[in-house]
Amino acid sequence: MRNLKKAAKLPVMGMIPCFLKSPLGFDYWRREDSFSKPYDGRWSKTMVGFGPEDDHFVVELTYNYGIGDYKLGNDFLGITLASSQAVSNAKKLQWPLTEVAEGIFETEAPGGYKFYLQNCNLPQSDPVLKVTLTVSDLQKSLNYWSNLLGMKIYEKDEKKQRALLGYADNQCKLELQGIKGVVDHAAAFGRIAFSCPQKELPGLEDLMKRENQKILTPLVSLDTPGKATVQVVILADPDGHEICFVGDEAFRELSKMDPEGSKLLDDAMAADKSDEWFAKHNKPKASG
């Protein structure tokens, strides 16, 4: 079974993890750091979610120490989750909320990323309901995501130019929203990732070659020091949304929760002196 794993490339190390943990209620699961010095060129990434990556959607927060801000495009419309606790937390913390529909609140993370909070709790273990991306041609995108990648179409509204897709009833869904004009990824674009049985990856790559679809990274093995070696293939849909398929067997090993993950992130944020380093060297942080 294919499983929607993660999406998002969020630029601010301190404020965004804090926002996701409180008020939204995400937990830190694991992190990686390039540990390169000086700060110029250094990066880290942190996985956050409501449960283990094996059966929950997670967000991968990518922090580049040398980037001060990112320009947002119109490609990523937000993440929707069902959590009355998140709504209650946000109100208690006086975090700005806008009720956009009955019981649905829009809020914005530092950096401008949108989150939509449904004031309810569902029986499923993962509160993350969907990730919404824009597309320039809904039917063309449905052909790609459904006919080629095999996602089931759960909802389709031609009038509103939207569709909801997924690989399983109990998994986070992918929502496609049609827009007029071009999908602009700007510099803050992220990536949608799925896990699937490793044996499916060569066939998936062959299918994309036969259909003359874009392959950004052909099937390759990626090493993580001290952890599992995973196989991945990275594609791009008709609007340039990056899609990573990773072999599930090795990914299960790679994505195990690090019991020290939360402490490592807190320590890294406390130790981050990149602003001082760039100021000392008269080098402004770049805009992504």
Protein backbone atom coordinates (compact mmCIF):
# COMPACT_ATOMS: atom_id res chain seq x y z
CA MET A 1 0.00 0.00 0.00
CA ARG A 2 1.21 3.50 -0.79
CA ASN A 3 1.11 5.97 2.06
CA LEU A 4 1.22 9.76 1.98
CA LYS A 5 4.11 10.67 4.26
CA LYS A 6 5.11 14.27 4.30
CA ALA A 7 5.13 17.62 2.60
CA ALA A 8 6.38 21.16 3.26
CA LYS A 9 9.62 23.05 3.36
CA LEU A 10 9.27 25.61 6.11
CA PRO A 11 12.06 28.12 6.61
CA VAL A 12 12.09 29.42 10.21
CA MET A 13 13.71 27.16 12.77
CA GLY A 14 12.50 28.67 16.03
CA MET A 15 8.99 30.02 15.54
CA ILE A 16 7.52 27.39 13.21
CA PRO A 17 8.36 24.32 15.34
CA CYS A 18 6.98 26.16 18.37
CA PHE A 19 3.81 27.06 16.45
CA LEU A 20 3.30 23.47 15.30
CA LYS A 21 3.78 22.11 18.81
CA SER A 22 1.75 24.80 20.55
CA PRO A 23 -1.00 25.57 19.64
CA LEU A 24 -1.45 22.90 16.96
CA GLY A 25 -0.26 19.92 19.00
CA PHE A 26 2.31 18.33 16.66
CA ASP A 27 5.11 16.31 18.27
CA TYR A 28 8.79 16.23 17.23
CA TRP A 29 9.77 12.79 15.98
CA ARG A 30 13.29 12.99 14.63
CA ARG A 31 15.77 15.42 13.12
CA GLU A 32 18.89 15.48 10.99
CA ASP A 33 21.60 18.12 10.81
CA SER A 34 24.39 18.57 8.27
CA PHE A 35 26.66 19.87 11.09
CA SER A 36 28.70 21.78 8.53
CA LYS A 37 30.61 24.85 9.65
CA PRO A 38 30.48 27.73 9.18
CA TYR A 39 26.73 28.34 9.12
CA ASP A 40 26.78 29.25 5.46
CA GLY A 41 25.58 26.09 3.70
CA ARG A 42 24.43 24.32 6.85
CA TRP A 43 20.95 22.80 7.04
CA SER A 44 18.77 20.72 9.32
CA LYS A 45 15.41 19.02 9.00
CA THR A 46 12.90 18.03 11.63
CA MET A 47 9.93 15.67 11.27
CA VAL A 48 6.79 16.65 13.17
CA GLY A 49 3.41 14.95 13.33
CA PHE A 50 0.73 13.43 15.53
CA GLY A 51 2.20 9.94 15.46
CA PRO A 52 4.89 7.70 13.92
CA GLU A 53 5.74 8.28 10.27
CA ASP A 54 4.84 4.68 9.49
CA ASP A 55 1.11 5.41 9.78
CA HIS A 56 0.76 9.18 10.19
CA PHE A 57 1.27 12.18 7.97
CA VAL A 58 4.29 14.23 9.03
CA VAL A 59 5.67 17.60 8.04
CA GLU A 60 9.35 17.90 7.24
CA LEU A 61 10.66 21.26 8.40
CA THR A 62 13.76 22.22 6.46
CA TYR A 63 15.92 24.94 7.97
CA ASN A 64 18.76 26.46 5.97
CA TYR A 65 20.94 28.46 8.35
CA GLY A 66 21.96 30.90 5.63
CA ILE A 67 18.45 31.81 4.47
CA GLY A 68 16.67 34.63 6.26
CA ASP A 69 13.30 34.46 4.53
CA TYR A 70 11.51 32.72 1.69
CA LYS A 71 9.30 34.03 -1.07
CA LEU A 72 6.00 32.13 -1.12
CA GLY A 73 4.29 31.10 -4.33
CA ASN A 74 0.68 30.11 -4.98
CA ASP A 75 1.40 26.35 -5.15
CA PHE A 76 0.70 25.34 -1.54
CA LEU A 77 -2.67 26.37 -0.10
CA GLY A 78 -2.37 24.76 3.30
CA ILE A 79 -2.85 21.79 5.61
CA THR A 80 -6.21 20.93 7.17
CA LEU A 81 -6.54 19.12 10.48
CA ALA A 82 -9.45 18.17 12.73
CA SER A 83 -8.65 19.11 16.30
CA SER A 84 -10.88 20.96 18.73
CA GLN A 85 -7.86 21.01 21.06
CA ALA A 86 -5.83 22.98 18.49
CA VAL A 87 -8.66 25.51 18.16
CA SER A 88 -8.91 25.81 21.93
CA ASN A 89 -5.13 26.17 22.30
CA ALA A 90 -4.96 28.87 19.64
CA LYS A 91 -7.71 30.87 21.31
CA LYS A 92 -6.06 30.58 24.73
CA LEU A 93 -2.74 31.74 23.29
CA GLN A 94 -4.54 34.50 21.36
CA TRP A 95 -3.12 33.20 18.11
CA PRO A 96 -4.96 34.90 15.20
CA LEU A 97 -7.85 32.77 13.91
CA THR A 98 -10.31 33.58 11.14
CA GLU A 99 -13.49 31.52 10.85
CA VAL A 100 -13.77 30.87 7.09
CA ALA A 101 -16.70 28.46 7.37
CA GLU A 102 -18.81 27.13 10.21
CA GLY A 103 -16.42 25.42 12.62
CA ILE A 104 -13.39 25.86 10.34
CA PHE A 105 -10.67 28.34 11.27
CA GLU A 106 -7.80 29.62 9.19
CA THR A 107 -4.51 30.44 10.88
CA GLU A 108 -1.06 31.30 9.61
CA ALA A 109 2.29 29.95 10.72
CA PRO A 110 5.37 32.19 10.90
CA GLY A 111 6.52 32.54 7.30
CA GLY A 112 3.00 32.62 5.90
CA TYR A 113 2.01 28.96 5.59
CA LYS A 114 -1.73 28.39 6.05
CA PHE A 115 -3.37 25.85 8.35
CA TYR A 116 -7.07 25.12 8.54
CA LEU A 117 -8.43 23.86 11.86
CA GLN A 118 -11.74 22.02 12.05
CA ASN A 119 -13.27 22.44 15.48
CA CYS A 120 -14.02 18.74 15.94
CA ASN A 121 -12.32 15.46 16.71
CA LEU A 122 -12.58 12.45 14.41
CA PRO A 123 -12.19 8.79 15.42
CA GLN A 124 -9.12 8.32 13.23
CA SER A 125 -5.78 8.53 15.02
CA ASP A 126 -4.25 11.10 12.68
CA PRO A 127 -5.94 14.55 12.84
CA VAL A 128 -4.27 15.69 9.60
CA LEU A 129 -7.01 15.43 6.97
CA LYS A 130 -5.55 16.85 3.78
CA VAL A 131 -2.82 18.81 2.05
CA THR A 132 -3.98 21.24 -0.64
CA LEU A 133 -1.99 22.04 -3.78
CA THR A 134 -2.94 24.21 -6.73
CA VAL A 135 -3.10 22.99 -10.33
CA SER A 136 -3.53 24.85 -13.60
CA ASP A 137 -5.55 22.11 -15.35
CA LEU A 138 -7.61 19.92 -13.02
CA GLN A 139 -8.40 17.20 -15.55
CA LYS A 140 -4.79 16.94 -16.67
CA SER A 141 -3.68 16.68 -13.05
CA LEU A 142 -6.31 14.05 -12.25
CA ASN A 143 -5.05 11.98 -15.17
CA TYR A 144 -1.55 12.17 -13.71
CA TRP A 145 -2.34 11.57 -10.04
CA SER A 146 -5.11 9.03 -10.53
CA ASN A 147 -4.44 7.23 -13.83
CA LEU A 148 -0.65 7.19 -13.58
CA LEU A 149 0.03 7.26 -9.84
CA GLY A 150 -3.01 5.21 -8.92
CA MET A 151 -4.69 7.50 -6.39
CA LYS A 152 -8.40 7.03 -5.79
CA ILE A 153 -10.63 10.04 -6.48
CA TYR A 154 -12.80 10.51 -3.38
CA GLU A 155 -14.45 13.79 -4.41
CA LYS A 156 -14.60 15.87 -7.56
CA ASP A 157 -16.32 19.22 -8.05
CA GLU A 158 -16.04 20.59 -11.57
CA LYS A 159 -17.75 23.86 -10.64
CA LYS A 160 -15.34 24.60 -7.81
CA GLN A 161 -12.45 23.05 -9.72
CA ARG A 162 -11.34 20.84 -6.85
CA ALA A 163 -10.75 17.15 -6.24
CA LEU A 164 -9.81 15.02 -3.25
CA LEU A 165 -7.57 11.99 -3.74
CA GLY A 166 -5.90 9.35 -1.61
CA TYR A 167 -4.49 5.85 -1.40
CA ALA A 168 -6.61 4.69 1.56
CA ASP A 169 -9.71 5.78 3.45
CA ASN A 170 -7.84 6.23 6.74
CA GLN A 171 -4.91 8.22 5.35
CA CYS A 172 -4.29 11.92 4.88
CA LYS A 173 -5.71 13.04 1.53
CA LEU A 174 -4.33 15.19 -1.27
CA GLU A 175 -6.61 18.00 -2.43
CA LEU A 176 -6.08 19.57 -5.85
CA GLN A 177 -7.49 23.06 -6.36
CA GLY A 178 -7.66 24.46 -9.86
CA ILE A 179 -6.57 28.05 -10.38
CA LYS A 180 -6.46 30.39 -13.32
CA GLY A 181 -2.99 30.98 -14.64
CA VAL A 182 0.35 29.41 -13.83
CA VAL A 183 1.28 27.58 -10.64
CA ASP A 184 4.13 29.58 -9.11
CA HIS A 185 6.43 27.61 -6.78
CA ALA A 186 8.62 30.63 -5.95
CA ALA A 187 11.40 29.62 -3.51
CA ALA A 188 9.48 28.10 -0.59
CA PHE A 189 8.17 25.08 -2.43
CA GLY A 190 8.08 21.73 -0.73
CA ARG A 191 7.62 18.15 -1.79
CA ILE A 192 4.97 15.48 -1.39
CA ALA A 193 6.38 12.11 -0.33
CA PHE A 194 4.91 8.63 -0.39
CA SER A 195 6.21 5.31 0.83
CA CYS A 196 5.54 2.18 -1.20
CA PRO A 197 6.96 -1.35 -1.45
CA GLN A 198 10.50 -1.05 -2.76
CA LYS A 199 9.78 -3.52 -5.58
CA GLU A 200 7.30 -1.01 -7.09
CA LEU A 201 9.88 1.73 -7.65
CA PRO A 202 11.49 0.40 -10.89
CA GLY A 203 8.07 -0.14 -12.46
CA LEU A 204 6.97 3.36 -11.46
CA GLU A 205 10.06 4.86 -13.04
CA ASP A 206 9.54 2.82 -16.23
CA LEU A 207 5.91 3.98 -16.43
CA MET A 208 6.93 7.62 -16.23
CA LYS A 209 9.50 7.10 -18.96
CA ARG A 210 6.92 5.46 -21.24
CA GLU A 211 4.46 8.29 -20.60
CA ASN A 212 7.13 10.95 -21.20
CA GLN A 213 6.64 12.38 -17.72
CA LYS A 214 9.31 14.33 -15.89
CA ILE A 215 11.69 12.41 -13.62
CA LEU A 216 13.72 14.79 -11.45
CA THR A 217 15.83 12.09 -9.79
CA PRO A 218 16.02 8.61 -11.32
CA LEU A 219 15.86 5.64 -8.96
CA VAL A 220 18.77 5.97 -6.57
CA SER A 221 19.93 4.67 -3.19
CA LEU A 222 20.50 7.30 -0.51
CA ASP A 223 22.71 6.65 2.48
CA THR A 224 22.08 8.12 5.91
CA PRO A 225 25.10 7.59 8.17
CA GLY A 226 24.25 5.14 10.92
CA LYS A 227 20.80 4.48 9.51
CA ALA A 228 19.09 2.57 6.70
CA THR A 229 19.85 3.10 3.02
CA VAL A 230 16.64 4.01 1.22
CA GLN A 231 15.74 3.88 -2.46
CA VAL A 232 13.87 6.84 -3.92
CA VAL A 233 12.64 8.17 -7.23
CA ILE A 234 11.56 11.81 -7.50
CA LEU A 235 9.01 12.92 -10.08
CA ALA A 236 7.26 16.14 -11.09
CA ASP A 237 3.60 16.46 -12.00
CA PRO A 238 2.34 18.66 -14.89
CA ASP A 239 2.59 21.77 -12.69
CA GLY A 240 6.03 20.98 -11.33
CA HIS A 241 4.98 19.71 -7.90
CA GLU A 242 7.80 17.47 -6.70
CA ILE A 243 6.79 13.94 -5.69
CA CYS A 244 9.11 11.54 -3.92
CA PHE A 245 8.43 7.80 -3.74
CA VAL A 246 10.55 5.97 -1.18
CA GLY A 247 10.92 2.25 -0.55
CA ASP A 248 8.84 1.47 2.51
CA GLU A 249 10.92 -1.35 3.98
CA ALA A 250 14.05 0.76 4.56
CA PHE A 251 12.03 3.87 5.30
CA ARG A 252 10.39 2.15 8.27
CA GLU A 253 13.86 1.74 9.76
CA LEU A 254 14.99 5.25 8.85
CA SER A 255 11.88 6.93 10.22
CA LYS A 256 11.79 5.38 13.67
CA MET A 257 11.07 7.90 16.38
CA ASP A 258 14.12 9.31 18.11
CA PRO A 259 13.32 9.54 21.84
CA GLU A 260 15.80 12.41 22.00
CA GLY A 261 14.23 14.22 19.03
CA SER A 262 12.49 16.92 21.03
CA LYS A 263 15.56 17.62 23.17
CA LEU A 264 17.82 17.71 20.12
CA LEU A 265 15.60 20.30 18.48
CA ASP A 266 15.38 22.43 21.63
CA ASP A 267 19.18 22.26 22.03
CA ALA A 268 19.75 23.13 18.37
CA MET A 269 17.44 26.16 18.55
CA ALA A 270 19.15 27.36 21.72
CA ALA A 271 22.60 26.90 20.14
CA ASP A 272 21.74 28.58 16.83
CA LYS A 273 24.02 31.61 16.56
CA SER A 274 23.70 31.96 12.80
CA ASP A 275 22.33 35.54 12.99
CA GLU A 276 25.37 36.61 15.02
CA TRP A 277 27.76 34.70 12.72
CA PHE A 278 26.43 36.35 9.55
CA ALA A 279 26.45 39.78 11.20
CA LYS A 280 30.05 39.31 12.38
CA HIS A 281 31.13 38.40 8.86
CA ASN A 282 29.12 41.25 7.28
CA LYS A 283 27.14 38.73 5.25
CA PRO A 284 23.38 39.20 5.13
CA LYS A 285 21.27 36.07 5.19
CA ALA A 286 19.94 35.38 1.71
CA SER A 287 16.31 35.47 0.65
CA GLY A 288 15.13 32.15 -0.69
